[in-house]
Amino acid sequence: MRLLLLAALFSCSCVRGGCEPKIVNIGAVLSQKRYEQVFKDAVTQANQVYGRDKFKLTAISVTHKANAIQMALSVCEDLISSQVYAILVSHPPQSNDHLTPTPVSYTAGFYRIPVVGLTTRMSIYSDKSIHLSFLRTVPPYSHQAHVWFDMMREFRWNHIILIVSDDHEGRAAQKRLETLLEERETKVSYSQFQDSQCVLVCKRVCINRKSLLCT
């Protein structure tokens, strides 16, 4: 009963005095410095539409660092220390493609802080055993397998040859297509080739007039 009275008194005092909106810090790791103002403007617009009296969003941003350790330190010192509720991370420009969101995801995942990938399409970030709290706004490259599968059904192809690279992206695409084919009870077989053999394989396929999907 005492707790109920205290709660009632607290709510009344909020109505009379006007409760301050809750501050929600949103972090961002941006590819370039010039996008920081764009991020701040977006947060300001979000406050005008959704904030009202309940909460107020605050923008805190940093840019990608040239070193993974420096990036992790920046996330800790500039974002996590500011008690951000989530971190938006963009993919660096093509010239700096080696600067991936991985250190941001690892560091934020340790503290269970959600990381939202804005443009990252690499399949590795869908692996929750590695990237615990990574969310994405665009599908990974491996989802192209759904398009291939739909093409097979549309054109009634009975045989295809899938050539993929021997890395995580290639294996992820192959695995997804195999899963779709197994659900259809389709027989799957595969072989490994060296780079120099791929041209010969393609020529044989063309001669045999079989359908070829190449990635």
N, C-alpha and C. Protein backbone atom coordinates (compact mmCIF):
# COMPACT_ATOMS: atom_id res chain seq x y z
N MET A 1 0.83 -1.20 0.00
CA MET A 1 0.00 0.00 0.00
C MET A 1 0.87 1.25 0.00
N ARG A 2 1.90 1.24 0.83
CA ARG A 2 2.80 2.39 0.87
C ARG A 2 3.45 2.63 -0.49
N LEU A 3 3.80 1.52 -1.15
CA LEU A 3 4.42 1.66 -2.46
C LEU A 3 3.45 2.27 -3.46
N LEU A 4 2.16 1.88 -3.37
CA LEU A 4 1.16 2.44 -4.27
C LEU A 4 0.98 3.93 -4.03
N LEU A 5 0.99 4.33 -2.74
CA LEU A 5 0.85 5.74 -2.42
C LEU A 5 2.03 6.55 -2.94
N LEU A 6 3.23 5.98 -2.76
CA LEU A 6 4.42 6.67 -3.25
C LEU A 6 4.38 6.83 -4.77
N ALA A 7 3.91 5.76 -5.45
CA ALA A 7 3.81 5.83 -6.90
C ALA A 7 2.80 6.87 -7.33
N ALA A 8 1.67 6.93 -6.61
CA ALA A 8 0.64 7.91 -6.95
C ALA A 8 1.14 9.33 -6.72
N LEU A 9 1.84 9.54 -5.60
CA LEU A 9 2.38 10.87 -5.32
C LEU A 9 3.41 11.28 -6.36
N PHE A 10 4.22 10.31 -6.77
CA PHE A 10 5.26 10.61 -7.76
C PHE A 10 4.64 11.00 -9.10
N SER A 11 3.58 10.24 -9.49
CA SER A 11 2.93 10.56 -10.76
C SER A 11 2.25 11.91 -10.72
N CYS A 12 1.66 12.25 -9.57
CA CYS A 12 1.01 13.54 -9.44
C CYS A 12 2.02 14.68 -9.52
N SER A 13 3.17 14.46 -8.86
CA SER A 13 4.20 15.50 -8.89
C SER A 13 4.73 15.70 -10.30
N CYS A 14 4.77 14.61 -11.09
CA CYS A 14 5.23 14.72 -12.47
C CYS A 14 4.24 15.52 -13.30
N VAL A 15 2.95 15.27 -13.05
CA VAL A 15 1.94 15.98 -13.82
C VAL A 15 1.95 17.46 -13.49
N ARG A 16 2.14 17.76 -12.21
CA ARG A 16 2.11 19.16 -11.79
C ARG A 16 3.37 19.90 -12.21
N GLY A 17 4.50 19.28 -11.89
CA GLY A 17 5.75 19.97 -12.14
C GLY A 17 6.28 19.77 -13.55
N GLY A 18 5.79 18.71 -14.22
CA GLY A 18 6.28 18.43 -15.57
C GLY A 18 7.58 17.64 -15.53
N CYS A 19 7.51 16.33 -15.84
CA CYS A 19 8.69 15.48 -15.79
C CYS A 19 9.62 15.82 -16.95
N GLU A 20 10.90 15.81 -16.68
CA GLU A 20 11.87 16.04 -17.74
C GLU A 20 11.90 14.83 -18.67
N PRO A 21 11.98 15.04 -19.98
CA PRO A 21 12.04 13.90 -20.90
C PRO A 21 13.32 13.10 -20.69
N LYS A 22 13.23 11.81 -20.89
CA LYS A 22 14.38 10.93 -20.71
C LYS A 22 15.37 11.15 -21.85
N ILE A 23 16.63 11.29 -21.48
CA ILE A 23 17.69 11.49 -22.48
C ILE A 23 18.14 10.13 -23.01
N VAL A 24 18.06 9.94 -24.31
CA VAL A 24 18.48 8.70 -24.95
C VAL A 24 19.62 9.03 -25.91
N ASN A 25 20.81 8.59 -25.57
CA ASN A 25 22.00 8.85 -26.40
C ASN A 25 22.10 7.81 -27.51
N ILE A 26 22.23 8.27 -28.73
CA ILE A 26 22.38 7.40 -29.90
C ILE A 26 23.77 7.64 -30.49
N GLY A 27 24.56 6.59 -30.58
CA GLY A 27 25.91 6.70 -31.13
C GLY A 27 25.94 6.35 -32.61
N ALA A 28 26.98 6.81 -33.27
CA ALA A 28 27.15 6.50 -34.69
C ALA A 28 28.62 6.48 -35.04
N VAL A 29 29.00 5.51 -35.85
CA VAL A 29 30.35 5.44 -36.42
C VAL A 29 30.20 5.70 -37.91
N LEU A 30 30.65 6.85 -38.36
CA LEU A 30 30.42 7.31 -39.72
C LEU A 30 31.68 7.19 -40.56
N SER A 31 31.49 7.08 -41.86
CA SER A 31 32.63 6.89 -42.76
C SER A 31 33.47 8.15 -42.91
N GLN A 32 32.83 9.32 -42.86
CA GLN A 32 33.54 10.58 -43.04
C GLN A 32 33.01 11.64 -42.08
N LYS A 33 33.86 12.62 -41.80
CA LYS A 33 33.52 13.68 -40.85
C LYS A 33 32.32 14.49 -41.31
N ARG A 34 32.19 14.68 -42.62
CA ARG A 34 31.13 15.56 -43.13
C ARG A 34 29.74 14.99 -42.91
N TYR A 35 29.63 13.71 -42.58
CA TYR A 35 28.32 13.11 -42.34
C TYR A 35 27.83 13.30 -40.91
N GLU A 36 28.67 13.84 -40.04
CA GLU A 36 28.26 14.03 -38.65
C GLU A 36 27.10 15.01 -38.54
N GLN A 37 27.14 16.08 -39.33
CA GLN A 37 26.04 17.05 -39.29
C GLN A 37 24.76 16.44 -39.84
N VAL A 38 24.89 15.58 -40.84
CA VAL A 38 23.72 14.89 -41.39
C VAL A 38 23.08 14.02 -40.31
N PHE A 39 23.91 13.34 -39.54
CA PHE A 39 23.40 12.49 -38.46
C PHE A 39 22.71 13.33 -37.39
N LYS A 40 23.31 14.45 -37.03
CA LYS A 40 22.70 15.33 -36.02
C LYS A 40 21.36 15.88 -36.50
N ASP A 41 21.29 16.25 -37.78
CA ASP A 41 20.04 16.76 -38.33
C ASP A 41 18.95 15.68 -38.31
N ALA A 42 19.34 14.44 -38.60
CA ALA A 42 18.37 13.34 -38.59
C ALA A 42 17.83 13.11 -37.18
N VAL A 43 18.72 13.19 -36.18
CA VAL A 43 18.28 13.02 -34.79
C VAL A 43 17.36 14.16 -34.38
N THR A 44 17.66 15.36 -34.81
CA THR A 44 16.80 16.51 -34.50
C THR A 44 15.41 16.32 -35.09
N GLN A 45 15.34 15.84 -36.32
CA GLN A 45 14.04 15.58 -36.95
C GLN A 45 13.29 14.48 -36.22
N ALA A 46 14.02 13.45 -35.78
CA ALA A 46 13.37 12.37 -35.03
C ALA A 46 12.79 12.88 -33.72
N ASN A 47 13.49 13.80 -33.08
CA ASN A 47 12.97 14.38 -31.84
C ASN A 47 11.67 15.14 -32.08
N GLN A 48 11.61 15.84 -33.19
CA GLN A 48 10.42 16.62 -33.50
C GLN A 48 9.22 15.74 -33.80
N VAL A 49 9.48 14.58 -34.39
CA VAL A 49 8.38 13.69 -34.78
C VAL A 49 7.99 12.73 -33.65
N TYR A 50 9.01 12.10 -33.02
CA TYR A 50 8.74 11.04 -32.06
C TYR A 50 9.04 11.42 -30.61
N GLY A 51 9.90 12.40 -30.41
CA GLY A 51 10.35 12.68 -29.06
C GLY A 51 9.27 13.23 -28.16
N ARG A 52 8.75 14.37 -28.52
CA ARG A 52 7.72 15.04 -27.73
C ARG A 52 8.19 15.19 -26.28
N ASP A 53 7.37 14.75 -25.32
CA ASP A 53 7.69 14.96 -23.91
C ASP A 53 8.26 13.71 -23.24
N LYS A 54 8.22 12.56 -23.93
CA LYS A 54 8.60 11.31 -23.28
C LYS A 54 10.12 11.12 -23.25
N PHE A 55 10.78 11.40 -24.35
CA PHE A 55 12.23 11.21 -24.39
C PHE A 55 12.84 12.18 -25.39
N LYS A 56 14.13 12.35 -25.26
CA LYS A 56 14.87 13.23 -26.15
C LYS A 56 16.12 12.51 -26.63
N LEU A 57 16.28 12.40 -27.93
CA LEU A 57 17.44 11.74 -28.52
C LEU A 57 18.61 12.71 -28.61
N THR A 58 19.80 12.19 -28.32
CA THR A 58 21.02 12.98 -28.42
C THR A 58 22.00 12.27 -29.33
N ALA A 59 22.59 12.98 -30.27
CA ALA A 59 23.51 12.40 -31.25
C ALA A 59 24.95 12.48 -30.77
N ILE A 60 25.63 11.34 -30.78
CA ILE A 60 27.06 11.27 -30.44
C ILE A 60 27.73 10.45 -31.54
N SER A 61 28.68 11.03 -32.24
CA SER A 61 29.25 10.34 -33.40
C SER A 61 30.77 10.41 -33.41
N VAL A 62 31.35 9.40 -34.06
CA VAL A 62 32.79 9.34 -34.33
C VAL A 62 32.95 8.86 -35.76
N THR A 63 34.16 8.93 -36.27
CA THR A 63 34.44 8.44 -37.62
C THR A 63 35.29 7.18 -37.55
N HIS A 64 35.29 6.42 -38.63
CA HIS A 64 36.09 5.20 -38.71
C HIS A 64 37.57 5.52 -38.51
N LYS A 65 38.24 4.67 -37.78
CA LYS A 65 39.67 4.81 -37.56
C LYS A 65 40.44 3.84 -38.45
N ALA A 66 41.69 4.18 -38.72
CA ALA A 66 42.50 3.38 -39.64
C ALA A 66 42.95 2.06 -39.04
N ASN A 67 42.80 1.92 -37.74
CA ASN A 67 43.28 0.74 -37.04
C ASN A 67 42.15 0.16 -36.20
N ALA A 68 42.04 -1.18 -36.17
CA ALA A 68 40.96 -1.83 -35.44
C ALA A 68 41.03 -1.54 -33.95
N ILE A 69 42.25 -1.51 -33.39
CA ILE A 69 42.40 -1.22 -31.96
C ILE A 69 41.98 0.21 -31.65
N GLN A 70 42.39 1.15 -32.52
CA GLN A 70 41.98 2.54 -32.34
C GLN A 70 40.46 2.69 -32.43
N MET A 71 39.85 1.91 -33.33
CA MET A 71 38.40 1.98 -33.49
C MET A 71 37.70 1.46 -32.24
N ALA A 72 38.20 0.36 -31.69
CA ALA A 72 37.61 -0.20 -30.47
C ALA A 72 37.76 0.77 -29.29
N LEU A 73 38.92 1.40 -29.19
CA LEU A 73 39.13 2.38 -28.12
C LEU A 73 38.21 3.58 -28.27
N SER A 74 38.01 4.02 -29.50
CA SER A 74 37.13 5.15 -29.74
C SER A 74 35.69 4.82 -29.36
N VAL A 75 35.27 3.60 -29.66
CA VAL A 75 33.91 3.17 -29.29
C VAL A 75 33.75 3.19 -27.77
N CYS A 76 34.78 2.70 -27.06
CA CYS A 76 34.71 2.69 -25.59
C CYS A 76 34.75 4.09 -25.00
N GLU A 77 35.70 4.90 -25.46
CA GLU A 77 35.92 6.21 -24.84
C GLU A 77 34.89 7.25 -25.26
N ASP A 78 34.43 7.19 -26.51
CA ASP A 78 33.56 8.25 -27.01
C ASP A 78 32.08 7.88 -27.02
N LEU A 79 31.77 6.58 -27.15
CA LEU A 79 30.37 6.18 -27.27
C LEU A 79 29.86 5.45 -26.03
N ILE A 80 30.52 4.35 -25.68
CA ILE A 80 30.04 3.57 -24.54
C ILE A 80 30.13 4.36 -23.24
N SER A 81 31.18 5.17 -23.08
CA SER A 81 31.30 5.99 -21.88
C SER A 81 30.17 7.02 -21.78
N SER A 82 29.55 7.35 -22.92
CA SER A 82 28.42 8.28 -22.93
C SER A 82 27.09 7.56 -22.75
N GLN A 83 27.15 6.26 -22.47
CA GLN A 83 25.96 5.45 -22.19
C GLN A 83 24.97 5.48 -23.36
N VAL A 84 25.47 5.16 -24.54
CA VAL A 84 24.60 5.12 -25.71
C VAL A 84 23.70 3.89 -25.63
N TYR A 85 22.50 4.03 -26.15
CA TYR A 85 21.54 2.93 -26.17
C TYR A 85 21.71 2.05 -27.40
N ALA A 86 22.27 2.61 -28.47
CA ALA A 86 22.50 1.87 -29.71
C ALA A 86 23.57 2.60 -30.50
N ILE A 87 24.20 1.88 -31.43
CA ILE A 87 25.25 2.46 -32.27
C ILE A 87 24.93 2.17 -33.73
N LEU A 88 24.85 3.21 -34.53
CA LEU A 88 24.70 3.06 -35.97
C LEU A 88 26.10 3.03 -36.58
N VAL A 89 26.32 2.13 -37.51
CA VAL A 89 27.65 2.04 -38.12
C VAL A 89 27.49 1.92 -39.63
N SER A 90 28.20 2.79 -40.34
CA SER A 90 28.19 2.75 -41.80
C SER A 90 29.44 2.03 -42.28
N HIS A 91 29.38 1.56 -43.52
CA HIS A 91 30.54 0.89 -44.10
C HIS A 91 31.45 1.95 -44.71
N PRO A 92 32.76 1.85 -44.51
CA PRO A 92 33.68 2.85 -45.08
C PRO A 92 33.61 2.87 -46.59
N PRO A 93 34.05 3.96 -47.22
CA PRO A 93 34.08 4.02 -48.69
C PRO A 93 35.00 2.95 -49.26
N GLN A 94 34.83 2.67 -50.54
CA GLN A 94 35.55 1.58 -51.19
C GLN A 94 37.06 1.71 -51.06
N SER A 95 37.56 2.93 -51.06
CA SER A 95 39.01 3.12 -50.96
C SER A 95 39.55 2.67 -49.61
N ASN A 96 38.68 2.64 -48.60
CA ASN A 96 39.08 2.17 -47.27
C ASN A 96 38.29 0.93 -46.88
N ASP A 97 38.15 0.01 -47.83
CA ASP A 97 37.28 -1.14 -47.62
C ASP A 97 37.77 -2.05 -46.51
N HIS A 98 39.06 -1.94 -46.14
CA HIS A 98 39.57 -2.78 -45.07
C HIS A 98 39.06 -2.34 -43.70
N LEU A 99 38.48 -1.14 -43.63
CA LEU A 99 37.93 -0.65 -42.37
C LEU A 99 36.50 -1.16 -42.23
N THR A 100 36.34 -2.33 -41.68
CA THR A 100 35.02 -2.93 -41.57
C THR A 100 34.40 -2.59 -40.22
N PRO A 101 33.09 -2.83 -40.05
CA PRO A 101 32.42 -2.59 -38.77
C PRO A 101 32.76 -3.62 -37.70
N THR A 102 33.65 -4.56 -37.98
CA THR A 102 33.93 -5.65 -37.05
C THR A 102 34.35 -5.17 -35.66
N PRO A 103 35.35 -4.28 -35.51
CA PRO A 103 35.72 -3.86 -34.15
C PRO A 103 34.59 -3.16 -33.40
N VAL A 104 33.73 -2.45 -34.13
CA VAL A 104 32.58 -1.81 -33.49
C VAL A 104 31.62 -2.87 -32.98
N SER A 105 31.36 -3.88 -33.80
CA SER A 105 30.44 -4.95 -33.42
C SER A 105 30.97 -5.76 -32.24
N TYR A 106 32.25 -6.11 -32.26
CA TYR A 106 32.85 -6.86 -31.16
C TYR A 106 32.77 -6.09 -29.85
N THR A 107 33.16 -4.82 -29.89
CA THR A 107 33.22 -4.01 -28.67
C THR A 107 31.83 -3.77 -28.10
N ALA A 108 30.89 -3.37 -28.95
CA ALA A 108 29.53 -3.11 -28.48
C ALA A 108 28.83 -4.40 -28.06
N GLY A 109 29.12 -5.50 -28.75
CA GLY A 109 28.51 -6.77 -28.40
C GLY A 109 28.91 -7.25 -27.01
N PHE A 110 30.12 -6.91 -26.58
CA PHE A 110 30.57 -7.29 -25.24
C PHE A 110 29.69 -6.66 -24.17
N TYR A 111 29.18 -5.46 -24.45
CA TYR A 111 28.31 -4.75 -23.51
C TYR A 111 26.83 -4.91 -23.87
N ARG A 112 26.54 -5.78 -24.84
CA ARG A 112 25.16 -6.04 -25.28
C ARG A 112 24.48 -4.77 -25.80
N ILE A 113 25.23 -3.92 -26.45
CA ILE A 113 24.68 -2.71 -27.05
C ILE A 113 24.35 -3.00 -28.51
N PRO A 114 23.13 -2.79 -28.95
CA PRO A 114 22.77 -3.08 -30.35
C PRO A 114 23.58 -2.23 -31.33
N VAL A 115 24.04 -2.87 -32.39
CA VAL A 115 24.75 -2.18 -33.47
C VAL A 115 23.91 -2.34 -34.74
N VAL A 116 23.58 -1.24 -35.36
CA VAL A 116 22.75 -1.25 -36.57
C VAL A 116 23.62 -0.95 -37.77
N GLY A 117 23.83 -1.94 -38.63
CA GLY A 117 24.61 -1.73 -39.85
C GLY A 117 23.77 -1.07 -40.92
N LEU A 118 24.23 0.05 -41.43
CA LEU A 118 23.44 0.82 -42.39
C LEU A 118 23.62 0.33 -43.82
N THR A 119 24.83 -0.05 -44.19
CA THR A 119 25.09 -0.44 -45.58
C THR A 119 25.86 -1.75 -45.69
N THR A 120 26.18 -2.38 -44.60
CA THR A 120 27.01 -3.59 -44.63
C THR A 120 26.22 -4.77 -45.16
N ARG A 121 26.76 -5.44 -46.17
CA ARG A 121 26.06 -6.58 -46.78
C ARG A 121 26.83 -7.89 -46.63
N MET A 122 27.92 -7.88 -45.91
CA MET A 122 28.69 -9.11 -45.73
C MET A 122 27.92 -10.09 -44.85
N SER A 123 27.93 -11.35 -45.23
CA SER A 123 27.12 -12.37 -44.56
C SER A 123 27.60 -12.68 -43.15
N ILE A 124 28.87 -12.42 -42.87
CA ILE A 124 29.44 -12.77 -41.58
C ILE A 124 28.70 -12.10 -40.43
N TYR A 125 28.12 -10.93 -40.69
CA TYR A 125 27.46 -10.19 -39.62
C TYR A 125 26.09 -10.76 -39.26
N SER A 126 25.62 -11.75 -40.00
CA SER A 126 24.39 -12.44 -39.64
C SER A 126 24.65 -13.61 -38.70
N ASP A 127 25.91 -13.93 -38.47
CA ASP A 127 26.28 -15.03 -37.58
C ASP A 127 26.21 -14.54 -36.14
N LYS A 128 25.16 -14.93 -35.41
CA LYS A 128 24.96 -14.46 -34.04
C LYS A 128 25.93 -15.08 -33.04
N SER A 129 26.61 -16.14 -33.43
CA SER A 129 27.62 -16.71 -32.53
C SER A 129 28.87 -15.84 -32.50
N ILE A 130 29.02 -14.96 -33.50
CA ILE A 130 30.17 -14.06 -33.57
C ILE A 130 29.76 -12.63 -33.27
N HIS A 131 28.72 -12.18 -33.94
CA HIS A 131 28.23 -10.80 -33.77
C HIS A 131 26.89 -10.85 -33.04
N LEU A 132 26.97 -10.74 -31.72
CA LEU A 132 25.81 -11.00 -30.86
C LEU A 132 24.67 -10.03 -31.08
N SER A 133 24.97 -8.75 -31.21
CA SER A 133 23.91 -7.74 -31.21
C SER A 133 23.90 -6.90 -32.48
N PHE A 134 24.36 -7.50 -33.59
CA PHE A 134 24.42 -6.76 -34.86
C PHE A 134 23.08 -6.89 -35.59
N LEU A 135 22.50 -5.74 -35.93
CA LEU A 135 21.26 -5.69 -36.71
C LEU A 135 21.57 -5.06 -38.06
N ARG A 136 20.83 -5.45 -39.07
CA ARG A 136 21.13 -4.93 -40.39
C ARG A 136 19.88 -4.37 -41.05
N THR A 137 20.08 -3.35 -41.91
CA THR A 137 18.99 -2.73 -42.65
C THR A 137 18.96 -3.19 -44.10
N VAL A 138 19.99 -3.89 -44.53
CA VAL A 138 20.04 -4.43 -45.89
C VAL A 138 20.39 -5.91 -45.80
N PRO A 139 19.89 -6.75 -46.71
CA PRO A 139 20.16 -8.18 -46.64
C PRO A 139 21.60 -8.50 -47.02
N PRO A 140 22.14 -9.62 -46.54
CA PRO A 140 23.50 -10.01 -46.93
C PRO A 140 23.54 -10.51 -48.37
N TYR A 141 24.74 -10.57 -48.91
CA TYR A 141 24.91 -11.03 -50.29
C TYR A 141 24.39 -12.46 -50.49
N SER A 142 24.46 -13.28 -49.44
CA SER A 142 24.05 -14.68 -49.57
C SER A 142 22.57 -14.82 -49.89
N HIS A 143 21.78 -13.78 -49.64
CA HIS A 143 20.35 -13.85 -49.94
C HIS A 143 20.08 -13.84 -51.44
N GLN A 144 21.11 -13.62 -52.24
CA GLN A 144 20.94 -13.73 -53.68
C GLN A 144 20.55 -15.14 -54.08
N ALA A 145 20.84 -16.09 -53.19
CA ALA A 145 20.49 -17.49 -53.48
C ALA A 145 18.98 -17.65 -53.66
N HIS A 146 18.19 -16.81 -52.99
CA HIS A 146 16.74 -16.88 -53.16
C HIS A 146 16.35 -16.51 -54.59
N VAL A 147 17.05 -15.55 -55.17
CA VAL A 147 16.78 -15.16 -56.56
C VAL A 147 17.15 -16.30 -57.50
N TRP A 148 18.29 -16.91 -57.26
CA TRP A 148 18.69 -18.04 -58.09
C TRP A 148 17.66 -19.17 -58.01
N PHE A 149 17.20 -19.43 -56.80
CA PHE A 149 16.23 -20.51 -56.60
C PHE A 149 14.92 -20.20 -57.33
N ASP A 150 14.48 -18.96 -57.26
CA ASP A 150 13.25 -18.56 -57.96
C ASP A 150 13.42 -18.67 -59.48
N MET A 151 14.61 -18.35 -59.97
CA MET A 151 14.88 -18.48 -61.41
C MET A 151 14.83 -19.95 -61.83
N MET A 152 15.35 -20.82 -60.98
CA MET A 152 15.31 -22.25 -61.30
C MET A 152 13.87 -22.74 -61.43
N ARG A 153 13.02 -22.30 -60.53
CA ARG A 153 11.63 -22.73 -60.58
C ARG A 153 10.89 -22.10 -61.77
N GLU A 154 11.19 -20.82 -62.03
CA GLU A 154 10.50 -20.12 -63.12
C GLU A 154 10.83 -20.72 -64.48
N PHE A 155 12.12 -21.01 -64.71
CA PHE A 155 12.54 -21.55 -66.01
C PHE A 155 12.62 -23.07 -66.02
N ARG A 156 12.29 -23.70 -64.90
CA ARG A 156 12.28 -25.16 -64.79
C ARG A 156 13.63 -25.77 -65.13
N TRP A 157 14.66 -25.18 -64.58
CA TRP A 157 15.99 -25.72 -64.78
C TRP A 157 16.18 -26.97 -63.91
N ASN A 158 16.69 -28.00 -64.52
CA ASN A 158 16.95 -29.24 -63.79
C ASN A 158 18.40 -29.38 -63.36
N HIS A 159 19.29 -28.64 -64.03
CA HIS A 159 20.71 -28.70 -63.69
C HIS A 159 21.28 -27.29 -63.67
N ILE A 160 22.05 -26.99 -62.67
CA ILE A 160 22.79 -25.73 -62.63
C ILE A 160 24.19 -26.02 -62.10
N ILE A 161 25.09 -25.12 -62.41
CA ILE A 161 26.44 -25.18 -61.84
C ILE A 161 26.69 -23.84 -61.15
N LEU A 162 26.98 -23.90 -59.89
CA LEU A 162 27.23 -22.70 -59.09
C LEU A 162 28.72 -22.58 -58.82
N ILE A 163 29.32 -21.50 -59.23
CA ILE A 163 30.74 -21.25 -59.01
C ILE A 163 30.87 -20.13 -57.99
N VAL A 164 31.45 -20.44 -56.85
CA VAL A 164 31.59 -19.45 -55.77
C VAL A 164 33.04 -19.37 -55.34
N SER A 165 33.38 -18.26 -54.72
CA SER A 165 34.73 -18.08 -54.19
C SER A 165 34.89 -18.85 -52.89
N ASP A 166 36.11 -19.24 -52.60
CA ASP A 166 36.39 -20.03 -51.40
C ASP A 166 36.62 -19.10 -50.21
N ASP A 167 35.57 -18.37 -49.83
CA ASP A 167 35.64 -17.51 -48.65
C ASP A 167 34.28 -17.55 -47.96
N HIS A 168 34.10 -16.74 -46.93
CA HIS A 168 32.86 -16.80 -46.16
C HIS A 168 31.66 -16.44 -47.01
N GLU A 169 31.78 -15.43 -47.87
CA GLU A 169 30.65 -15.02 -48.70
C GLU A 169 30.23 -16.13 -49.66
N GLY A 170 31.23 -16.75 -50.29
CA GLY A 170 30.92 -17.82 -51.23
C GLY A 170 30.28 -19.01 -50.55
N ARG A 171 30.83 -19.42 -49.40
CA ARG A 171 30.27 -20.56 -48.68
C ARG A 171 28.88 -20.27 -48.15
N ALA A 172 28.64 -19.03 -47.72
CA ALA A 172 27.32 -18.67 -47.21
C ALA A 172 26.27 -18.73 -48.31
N ALA A 173 26.62 -18.24 -49.50
CA ALA A 173 25.68 -18.30 -50.63
C ALA A 173 25.41 -19.74 -51.04
N GLN A 174 26.47 -20.55 -51.06
CA GLN A 174 26.31 -21.95 -51.43
C GLN A 174 25.44 -22.68 -50.42
N LYS A 175 25.66 -22.43 -49.13
CA LYS A 175 24.89 -23.10 -48.09
C LYS A 175 23.42 -22.72 -48.16
N ARG A 176 23.14 -21.46 -48.40
CA ARG A 176 21.73 -21.03 -48.46
C ARG A 176 21.03 -21.67 -49.65
N LEU A 177 21.70 -21.72 -50.80
CA LEU A 177 21.09 -22.34 -51.98
C LEU A 177 20.88 -23.83 -51.74
N GLU A 178 21.85 -24.50 -51.11
CA GLU A 178 21.70 -25.92 -50.82
C GLU A 178 20.52 -26.16 -49.89
N THR A 179 20.33 -25.28 -48.91
CA THR A 179 19.19 -25.42 -48.00
C THR A 179 17.87 -25.31 -48.74
N LEU A 180 17.78 -24.34 -49.64
CA LEU A 180 16.56 -24.17 -50.43
C LEU A 180 16.31 -25.38 -51.33
N LEU A 181 17.37 -25.93 -51.89
CA LEU A 181 17.21 -27.08 -52.78
C LEU A 181 16.84 -28.33 -51.99
N GLU A 182 17.40 -28.48 -50.78
CA GLU A 182 17.07 -29.64 -49.95
C GLU A 182 15.60 -29.62 -49.53
N GLU A 183 15.08 -28.43 -49.28
CA GLU A 183 13.66 -28.32 -48.94
C GLU A 183 12.78 -28.77 -50.10
N ARG A 184 13.32 -28.65 -51.30
CA ARG A 184 12.59 -29.08 -52.50
C ARG A 184 12.94 -30.52 -52.86
N GLU A 185 13.77 -31.15 -52.03
CA GLU A 185 14.22 -32.52 -52.24
C GLU A 185 14.96 -32.66 -53.56
N THR A 186 15.85 -31.72 -53.79
CA THR A 186 16.68 -31.73 -54.99
C THR A 186 18.07 -32.25 -54.64
N LYS A 187 18.61 -33.10 -55.48
CA LYS A 187 19.93 -33.65 -55.23
C LYS A 187 21.00 -32.60 -55.49
N VAL A 188 21.97 -32.50 -54.57
CA VAL A 188 23.04 -31.51 -54.68
C VAL A 188 24.38 -32.22 -54.65
N SER A 189 25.26 -31.88 -55.57
CA SER A 189 26.63 -32.37 -55.56
C SER A 189 27.54 -31.21 -55.93
N TYR A 190 28.77 -31.24 -55.42
CA TYR A 190 29.69 -30.14 -55.71
C TYR A 190 31.12 -30.63 -55.75
N SER A 191 31.95 -29.86 -56.44
CA SER A 191 33.38 -30.15 -56.57
C SER A 191 34.17 -28.88 -56.37
N GLN A 192 35.41 -29.03 -55.98
CA GLN A 192 36.29 -27.88 -55.80
C GLN A 192 37.26 -27.79 -56.97
N PHE A 193 37.51 -26.56 -57.43
CA PHE A 193 38.41 -26.34 -58.55
C PHE A 193 39.40 -25.24 -58.19
N GLN A 194 40.55 -25.30 -58.81
CA GLN A 194 41.51 -24.21 -58.71
C GLN A 194 41.06 -23.08 -59.64
N ASP A 195 41.61 -21.89 -59.40
CA ASP A 195 41.23 -20.73 -60.21
C ASP A 195 41.47 -20.98 -61.70
N SER A 196 42.56 -21.65 -62.01
CA SER A 196 42.90 -21.88 -63.41
C SER A 196 41.94 -22.85 -64.09
N GLN A 197 41.21 -23.64 -63.31
CA GLN A 197 40.30 -24.63 -63.88
C GLN A 197 38.91 -24.07 -64.14
N CYS A 198 38.59 -22.91 -63.56
CA CYS A 198 37.24 -22.36 -63.70
C CYS A 198 36.89 -22.05 -65.15
N VAL A 199 37.87 -21.55 -65.91
CA VAL A 199 37.61 -21.23 -67.32
C VAL A 199 37.25 -22.49 -68.10
N LEU A 200 37.97 -23.57 -67.85
CA LEU A 200 37.68 -24.82 -68.54
C LEU A 200 36.31 -25.34 -68.19
N VAL A 201 35.94 -25.21 -66.91
CA VAL A 201 34.62 -25.67 -66.47
C VAL A 201 33.52 -24.89 -67.17
N CYS A 202 33.70 -23.57 -67.26
CA CYS A 202 32.70 -22.73 -67.92
C CYS A 202 32.55 -23.10 -69.40
N LYS A 203 33.66 -23.38 -70.06
CA LYS A 203 33.61 -23.76 -71.47
C LYS A 203 32.84 -25.07 -71.65
N ARG A 204 33.07 -26.02 -70.76
CA ARG A 204 32.36 -27.29 -70.85
C ARG A 204 30.87 -27.10 -70.64
N VAL A 205 30.55 -26.22 -69.71
CA VAL A 205 29.13 -25.95 -69.44
C VAL A 205 28.46 -25.35 -70.66
N CYS A 206 29.13 -24.39 -71.29
CA CYS A 206 28.57 -23.75 -72.48
C CYS A 206 28.38 -24.76 -73.61
N ILE A 207 29.33 -25.67 -73.74
CA ILE A 207 29.23 -26.68 -74.79
C ILE A 207 28.04 -27.59 -74.53
N ASN A 208 27.85 -27.95 -73.28
CA ASN A 208 26.74 -28.85 -72.92
C ASN A 208 25.40 -28.13 -72.81
N ARG A 209 25.43 -26.79 -73.00
CA ARG A 209 24.21 -25.98 -72.98
C ARG A 209 23.45 -26.10 -71.65
N LYS A 210 24.20 -26.12 -70.59
CA LYS A 210 23.57 -26.14 -69.27
C LYS A 210 23.48 -24.73 -68.73
N SER A 211 22.63 -24.52 -67.77
CA SER A 211 22.45 -23.20 -67.17
C SER A 211 23.59 -22.94 -66.21
N LEU A 212 24.06 -21.72 -66.22
CA LEU A 212 25.21 -21.36 -65.41
C LEU A 212 24.87 -20.15 -64.55
N LEU A 213 25.06 -20.31 -63.25
CA LEU A 213 24.98 -19.19 -62.32
C LEU A 213 26.37 -18.96 -61.79
N CYS A 214 26.85 -17.76 -61.91
CA CYS A 214 28.22 -17.48 -61.54
C CYS A 214 28.27 -16.33 -60.55
N THR A 215 29.00 -16.49 -59.46
CA THR A 215 29.13 -15.41 -58.48
C THR A 215 30.59 -15.23 -58.11
